[in-house]
């Protein structure tokens, strides 16, 4: 958990719902840049 303060509950709920950054899979930065470069 990144936040232990005011946002900890909201972060837990988002993670449980797989919302925001918690939706989908992680893409390595170099792969993301490669994909973006091909889209331009």
N, C-alpha and C. Protein backbone atom coordinates (compact mmCIF):
# COMPACT_ATOMS: atom_id res chain seq x y z
N UNK A 1 0.86 -1.18 0.00
CA UNK A 1 0.00 0.00 0.00
C UNK A 1 0.90 1.23 0.00
N UNK A 2 0.64 2.13 -0.93
CA UNK A 2 1.46 3.31 -1.05
C UNK A 2 1.08 4.39 -0.06
N UNK A 3 -0.18 4.49 0.25
CA UNK A 3 -0.65 5.55 1.13
C UNK A 3 -1.11 4.96 2.46
N UNK A 4 -0.62 5.52 3.54
CA UNK A 4 -1.05 5.06 4.86
C UNK A 4 -1.88 6.14 5.55
N UNK A 5 -2.12 7.23 4.85
CA UNK A 5 -2.84 8.36 5.43
C UNK A 5 -4.26 8.46 4.94
N UNK A 6 -4.61 9.65 4.53
CA UNK A 6 -5.99 9.97 4.16
C UNK A 6 -6.51 9.17 2.98
N UNK A 7 -5.64 8.69 2.12
CA UNK A 7 -6.07 7.99 0.91
C UNK A 7 -6.02 6.48 1.01
N UNK A 8 -5.63 5.93 2.14
CA UNK A 8 -5.46 4.48 2.24
C UNK A 8 -6.75 3.71 1.98
N UNK A 9 -7.87 4.20 2.48
CA UNK A 9 -9.15 3.51 2.25
C UNK A 9 -9.54 3.57 0.78
N UNK A 10 -9.41 4.75 0.17
CA UNK A 10 -9.75 4.90 -1.25
C UNK A 10 -8.84 4.03 -2.11
N UNK A 11 -7.57 3.94 -1.74
CA UNK A 11 -6.64 3.11 -2.50
C UNK A 11 -7.02 1.64 -2.39
N UNK A 12 -7.36 1.19 -1.21
CA UNK A 12 -7.77 -0.20 -1.02
C UNK A 12 -9.02 -0.52 -1.83
N UNK A 13 -9.99 0.37 -1.81
CA UNK A 13 -11.23 0.16 -2.57
C UNK A 13 -10.95 0.12 -4.07
N UNK A 14 -10.10 1.01 -4.55
CA UNK A 14 -9.76 1.03 -5.98
C UNK A 14 -9.05 -0.25 -6.38
N UNK A 15 -8.15 -0.70 -5.53
CA UNK A 15 -7.42 -1.94 -5.82
C UNK A 15 -8.38 -3.13 -5.85
N UNK A 16 -9.29 -3.19 -4.92
CA UNK A 16 -10.27 -4.29 -4.88
C UNK A 16 -11.19 -4.28 -6.09
N UNK A 17 -11.55 -3.08 -6.58
CA UNK A 17 -12.43 -2.95 -7.75
C UNK A 17 -11.65 -3.01 -9.06
N UNK A 18 -10.32 -3.04 -8.94
CA UNK A 18 -9.42 -3.00 -10.11
C UNK A 18 -9.70 -1.75 -10.95
N UNK A 19 -9.74 -0.62 -10.26
CA UNK A 19 -10.01 0.66 -10.91
C UNK A 19 -8.71 1.46 -11.03
N UNK A 20 -8.70 2.40 -11.95
CA UNK A 20 -7.54 3.28 -12.10
C UNK A 20 -6.29 2.50 -12.48
N UNK A 21 -5.19 2.76 -11.79
CA UNK A 21 -3.93 2.09 -12.12
C UNK A 21 -3.97 0.60 -11.85
N UNK A 22 -4.96 0.14 -11.12
CA UNK A 22 -5.06 -1.28 -10.78
C UNK A 22 -5.76 -2.09 -11.87
N UNK A 23 -6.29 -1.44 -12.90
CA UNK A 23 -6.96 -2.17 -13.97
C UNK A 23 -5.92 -2.62 -14.99
N UNK A 24 -6.02 -3.76 -15.50
CA UNK A 24 -5.10 -4.21 -16.54
C UNK A 24 -3.76 -4.67 -16.01
N UNK A 25 -2.85 -4.89 -16.94
CA UNK A 25 -1.54 -5.43 -16.59
C UNK A 25 -0.47 -4.36 -16.68
N UNK A 26 0.63 -4.61 -16.02
CA UNK A 26 1.75 -3.68 -16.03
C UNK A 26 2.53 -3.86 -17.33
N UNK A 27 2.88 -2.75 -17.95
CA UNK A 27 3.70 -2.76 -19.15
C UNK A 27 5.05 -2.15 -18.78
N UNK A 28 6.11 -2.89 -19.08
CA UNK A 28 7.46 -2.38 -18.80
C UNK A 28 7.65 -1.06 -19.54
N UNK A 29 8.36 -0.09 -18.94
CA UNK A 29 8.52 1.22 -19.56
C UNK A 29 9.09 1.17 -20.98
N UNK A 30 10.07 0.32 -21.22
CA UNK A 30 10.67 0.24 -22.56
C UNK A 30 9.69 -0.34 -23.58
N UNK A 31 8.81 -1.22 -23.14
CA UNK A 31 7.78 -1.75 -24.03
C UNK A 31 6.74 -0.68 -24.34
N UNK A 32 6.35 0.09 -23.32
CA UNK A 32 5.38 1.17 -23.51
C UNK A 32 5.91 2.20 -24.50
N UNK A 33 7.19 2.58 -24.36
CA UNK A 33 7.79 3.55 -25.28
C UNK A 33 7.83 3.00 -26.70
N UNK A 34 8.14 1.71 -26.84
CA UNK A 34 8.17 1.09 -28.16
C UNK A 34 6.79 1.12 -28.80
N UNK A 35 5.76 0.82 -28.02
CA UNK A 35 4.39 0.84 -28.54
C UNK A 35 3.97 2.25 -28.93
N UNK A 36 4.32 3.23 -28.11
CA UNK A 36 3.96 4.62 -28.39
C UNK A 36 4.67 5.13 -29.63
N UNK A 37 5.93 4.76 -29.79
CA UNK A 37 6.71 5.22 -30.93
C UNK A 37 6.09 4.71 -32.24
N UNK A 38 5.59 3.49 -32.24
CA UNK A 38 4.96 2.92 -33.42
C UNK A 38 3.62 3.57 -33.75
N UNK A 39 2.97 4.18 -32.75
CA UNK A 39 1.64 4.78 -32.95
C UNK A 39 1.73 6.19 -33.52
N UNK A 40 2.90 6.78 -33.49
CA UNK A 40 3.04 8.18 -33.94
C UNK A 40 3.29 8.28 -35.41
